[in-house]
Amino acid sequence: MNIQKHDIHHEFPEFKEEIRELKMTNAYFSRLFKDYHELDHEVIRIEEGVENTSDEYLETLKVKRLRLKDELYSMLKKHTTPA
């Protein structure tokens, strides 16, 4: 099975500098980024068969990951929008 990378740097390469800056200056963004990263790794471990779980649990994790990604994207867009 070919597991796709979903880390934030692969998802939003155009925001490389903004990600770095927000991780250093915004505690909320940094926490969400960390939560997303941990959740993404858990999904990958399950998809690779390292961990076994129900399909429903995996789908729940994917939904949480998507919500975090949406919130991170929103913050990145706001950060790049001129005031």
N, C-alpha and C. Protein backbone atom coordinates (compact mmCIF):
# COMPACT_ATOMS: atom_id res chain seq x y z
N MET A 1 0.85 -1.19 0.00
CA MET A 1 0.00 0.00 0.00
C MET A 1 0.89 1.24 0.00
N ASN A 2 0.56 2.19 -0.85
CA ASN A 2 1.30 3.44 -0.93
C ASN A 2 0.65 4.46 -0.01
N ILE A 3 1.34 4.79 1.09
CA ILE A 3 0.82 5.73 2.08
C ILE A 3 1.23 7.14 1.68
N GLN A 4 0.25 8.02 1.53
CA GLN A 4 0.53 9.40 1.17
C GLN A 4 0.90 10.21 2.42
N LYS A 5 1.84 11.12 2.23
CA LYS A 5 2.20 12.01 3.33
C LYS A 5 1.18 13.12 3.42
N HIS A 6 0.76 13.38 4.64
CA HIS A 6 -0.22 14.44 4.86
C HIS A 6 0.31 15.49 5.84
N ASP A 7 1.63 15.49 6.08
CA ASP A 7 2.13 16.49 7.01
C ASP A 7 1.93 17.88 6.41
N ILE A 8 1.88 18.86 7.27
CA ILE A 8 1.53 20.22 6.87
C ILE A 8 2.50 20.78 5.82
N HIS A 9 3.77 20.45 5.93
CA HIS A 9 4.74 20.96 4.96
C HIS A 9 4.49 20.39 3.56
N HIS A 10 4.02 19.15 3.46
CA HIS A 10 3.69 18.57 2.16
C HIS A 10 2.33 19.08 1.66
N GLU A 11 1.42 19.32 2.58
CA GLU A 11 0.09 19.78 2.20
C GLU A 11 0.11 21.23 1.72
N PHE A 12 0.94 22.06 2.35
CA PHE A 12 0.97 23.49 2.03
C PHE A 12 2.41 23.98 1.80
N PRO A 13 3.07 23.49 0.76
CA PRO A 13 4.46 23.91 0.54
C PRO A 13 4.60 25.40 0.27
N GLU A 14 3.53 26.02 -0.21
CA GLU A 14 3.58 27.46 -0.51
C GLU A 14 3.62 28.32 0.75
N PHE A 15 3.36 27.70 1.91
CA PHE A 15 3.35 28.43 3.18
C PHE A 15 4.54 28.08 4.06
N LYS A 16 5.63 27.65 3.45
CA LYS A 16 6.80 27.20 4.22
C LYS A 16 7.26 28.25 5.25
N GLU A 17 7.43 29.46 4.80
CA GLU A 17 7.91 30.52 5.71
C GLU A 17 6.87 30.89 6.76
N GLU A 18 5.61 30.93 6.36
CA GLU A 18 4.54 31.26 7.30
C GLU A 18 4.41 30.20 8.39
N ILE A 19 4.56 28.94 8.00
CA ILE A 19 4.50 27.85 8.98
C ILE A 19 5.61 28.02 10.01
N ARG A 20 6.82 28.25 9.52
CA ARG A 20 7.96 28.43 10.41
C ARG A 20 7.73 29.60 11.36
N GLU A 21 7.29 30.71 10.81
CA GLU A 21 7.08 31.91 11.62
C GLU A 21 5.98 31.70 12.66
N LEU A 22 4.85 31.15 12.24
CA LEU A 22 3.74 30.95 13.19
C LEU A 22 4.09 29.93 14.26
N LYS A 23 4.84 28.91 13.91
CA LYS A 23 5.26 27.93 14.94
C LYS A 23 6.10 28.61 16.01
N MET A 24 6.87 29.62 15.62
CA MET A 24 7.75 30.29 16.57
C MET A 24 7.05 31.41 17.34
N THR A 25 6.01 32.00 16.76
CA THR A 25 5.43 33.20 17.36
C THR A 25 4.00 33.02 17.89
N ASN A 26 3.33 31.95 17.51
CA ASN A 26 1.93 31.78 17.88
C ASN A 26 1.76 30.45 18.60
N ALA A 27 1.57 30.51 19.92
CA ALA A 27 1.48 29.29 20.73
C ALA A 27 0.30 28.42 20.32
N TYR A 28 -0.82 29.04 19.96
CA TYR A 28 -2.00 28.26 19.55
C TYR A 28 -1.72 27.51 18.25
N PHE A 29 -1.14 28.20 17.27
CA PHE A 29 -0.78 27.54 16.01
C PHE A 29 0.21 26.41 16.27
N SER A 30 1.19 26.68 17.10
CA SER A 30 2.21 25.68 17.42
C SER A 30 1.58 24.43 18.04
N ARG A 31 0.62 24.63 18.94
CA ARG A 31 -0.06 23.49 19.56
C ARG A 31 -0.89 22.71 18.55
N LEU A 32 -1.63 23.42 17.70
CA LEU A 32 -2.41 22.75 16.66
C LEU A 32 -1.50 21.99 15.70
N PHE A 33 -0.38 22.60 15.35
CA PHE A 33 0.58 21.96 14.46
C PHE A 33 1.10 20.66 15.08
N LYS A 34 1.43 20.70 16.34
CA LYS A 34 1.91 19.52 17.06
C LYS A 34 0.82 18.45 17.13
N ASP A 35 -0.40 18.85 17.45
CA ASP A 35 -1.53 17.91 17.51
C ASP A 35 -1.75 17.26 16.15
N TYR A 36 -1.69 18.06 15.10
CA TYR A 36 -1.88 17.53 13.74
C TYR A 36 -0.78 16.51 13.42
N HIS A 37 0.45 16.87 13.73
CA HIS A 37 1.59 16.01 13.45
C HIS A 37 1.44 14.66 14.17
N GLU A 38 1.07 14.69 15.43
CA GLU A 38 0.89 13.45 16.20
C GLU A 38 -0.26 12.62 15.65
N LEU A 39 -1.35 13.26 15.30
CA LEU A 39 -2.51 12.57 14.74
C LEU A 39 -2.16 11.96 13.38
N ASP A 40 -1.43 12.69 12.56
CA ASP A 40 -1.02 12.19 11.26
C ASP A 40 -0.15 10.94 11.41
N HIS A 41 0.76 10.95 12.38
CA HIS A 41 1.61 9.78 12.60
C HIS A 41 0.80 8.58 13.06
N GLU A 42 -0.21 8.82 13.88
CA GLU A 42 -1.06 7.72 14.32
C GLU A 42 -1.82 7.11 13.13
N VAL A 43 -2.35 7.96 12.27
CA VAL A 43 -3.06 7.48 11.08
C VAL A 43 -2.11 6.67 10.21
N ILE A 44 -0.91 7.15 9.99
CA ILE A 44 0.08 6.45 9.17
C ILE A 44 0.41 5.09 9.77
N ARG A 45 0.62 5.02 11.08
CA ARG A 45 0.92 3.74 11.73
C ARG A 45 -0.22 2.74 11.52
N ILE A 46 -1.44 3.21 11.61
CA ILE A 46 -2.60 2.34 11.41
C ILE A 46 -2.66 1.89 9.95
N GLU A 47 -2.48 2.82 9.03
CA GLU A 47 -2.55 2.48 7.61
C GLU A 47 -1.43 1.53 7.19
N GLU A 48 -0.27 1.63 7.84
CA GLU A 48 0.85 0.73 7.53
C GLU A 48 0.71 -0.62 8.22
N GLY A 49 -0.27 -0.76 9.09
CA GLY A 49 -0.47 -2.02 9.78
C GLY A 49 0.35 -2.19 11.05
N VAL A 50 1.03 -1.13 11.47
CA VAL A 50 1.81 -1.18 12.70
C VAL A 50 0.87 -1.28 13.90
N GLU A 51 -0.25 -0.59 13.82
CA GLU A 51 -1.28 -0.63 14.85
C GLU A 51 -2.56 -1.15 14.22
N ASN A 52 -3.29 -1.95 14.96
CA ASN A 52 -4.58 -2.45 14.49
C ASN A 52 -5.71 -1.75 15.22
N THR A 53 -6.73 -1.41 14.47
CA THR A 53 -7.88 -0.73 15.05
C THR A 53 -9.07 -0.92 14.11
N SER A 54 -10.19 -0.44 14.53
CA SER A 54 -11.38 -0.55 13.67
C SER A 54 -11.34 0.51 12.58
N ASP A 55 -12.06 0.23 11.50
CA ASP A 55 -12.17 1.20 10.42
C ASP A 55 -12.85 2.48 10.90
N GLU A 56 -13.82 2.33 11.80
CA GLU A 56 -14.53 3.50 12.33
C GLU A 56 -13.58 4.42 13.09
N TYR A 57 -12.69 3.83 13.90
CA TYR A 57 -11.72 4.62 14.66
C TYR A 57 -10.78 5.35 13.70
N LEU A 58 -10.31 4.66 12.68
CA LEU A 58 -9.42 5.28 11.70
C LEU A 58 -10.12 6.44 11.00
N GLU A 59 -11.36 6.26 10.63
CA GLU A 59 -12.10 7.33 9.97
C GLU A 59 -12.29 8.52 10.91
N THR A 60 -12.53 8.25 12.19
CA THR A 60 -12.65 9.32 13.18
C THR A 60 -11.36 10.13 13.26
N LEU A 61 -10.23 9.43 13.26
CA LEU A 61 -8.93 10.12 13.29
C LEU A 61 -8.73 10.96 12.04
N LYS A 62 -9.13 10.44 10.90
CA LYS A 62 -8.96 11.18 9.65
C LYS A 62 -9.82 12.45 9.64
N VAL A 63 -11.01 12.37 10.20
CA VAL A 63 -11.88 13.54 10.29
C VAL A 63 -11.25 14.59 11.21
N LYS A 64 -10.72 14.14 12.35
CA LYS A 64 -10.04 15.08 13.26
C LYS A 64 -8.85 15.73 12.57
N ARG A 65 -8.08 14.92 11.84
CA ARG A 65 -6.91 15.45 11.12
C ARG A 65 -7.35 16.50 10.11
N LEU A 66 -8.43 16.24 9.39
CA LEU A 66 -8.93 17.18 8.40
C LEU A 66 -9.38 18.49 9.05
N ARG A 67 -10.05 18.40 10.18
CA ARG A 67 -10.48 19.62 10.89
C ARG A 67 -9.29 20.45 11.35
N LEU A 68 -8.26 19.76 11.89
CA LEU A 68 -7.06 20.48 12.30
C LEU A 68 -6.39 21.14 11.09
N LYS A 69 -6.32 20.41 9.99
CA LYS A 69 -5.70 20.96 8.78
C LYS A 69 -6.46 22.18 8.29
N ASP A 70 -7.77 22.13 8.34
CA ASP A 70 -8.59 23.28 7.93
C ASP A 70 -8.30 24.49 8.80
N GLU A 71 -8.20 24.26 10.10
CA GLU A 71 -7.94 25.38 11.01
C GLU A 71 -6.54 25.94 10.80
N LEU A 72 -5.56 25.07 10.62
CA LEU A 72 -4.21 25.53 10.35
C LEU A 72 -4.15 26.33 9.04
N TYR A 73 -4.83 25.83 8.02
CA TYR A 73 -4.86 26.53 6.74
C TYR A 73 -5.49 27.91 6.89
N SER A 74 -6.56 27.98 7.63
CA SER A 74 -7.23 29.25 7.86
C SER A 74 -6.28 30.25 8.53
N MET A 75 -5.55 29.77 9.51
CA MET A 75 -4.58 30.65 10.20
C MET A 75 -3.46 31.08 9.26
N LEU A 76 -3.01 30.17 8.42
CA LEU A 76 -1.96 30.52 7.46
C LEU A 76 -2.45 31.56 6.47
N LYS A 77 -3.67 31.40 5.98
CA LYS A 77 -4.24 32.37 5.04
C LYS A 77 -4.38 33.75 5.69
N LYS A 78 -4.87 33.78 6.93
CA LYS A 78 -5.00 35.06 7.64
C LYS A 78 -3.66 35.72 7.83
N HIS A 79 -2.65 34.90 8.11
CA HIS A 79 -1.31 35.43 8.36
C HIS A 79 -0.72 36.06 7.11
N THR A 80 -1.08 35.56 5.94
CA THR A 80 -0.52 36.08 4.69
C THR A 80 -1.35 37.20 4.09
N THR A 81 -2.58 37.37 4.58
CA THR A 81 -3.46 38.42 4.07
C THR A 81 -3.04 39.78 4.66
N PRO A 82 -2.77 40.75 3.82
CA PRO A 82 -2.38 42.07 4.34
C PRO A 82 -3.52 42.68 5.16
N ALA A 83 -3.15 43.33 6.23
CA ALA A 83 -4.15 43.96 7.12
C ALA A 83 -4.63 45.26 6.56
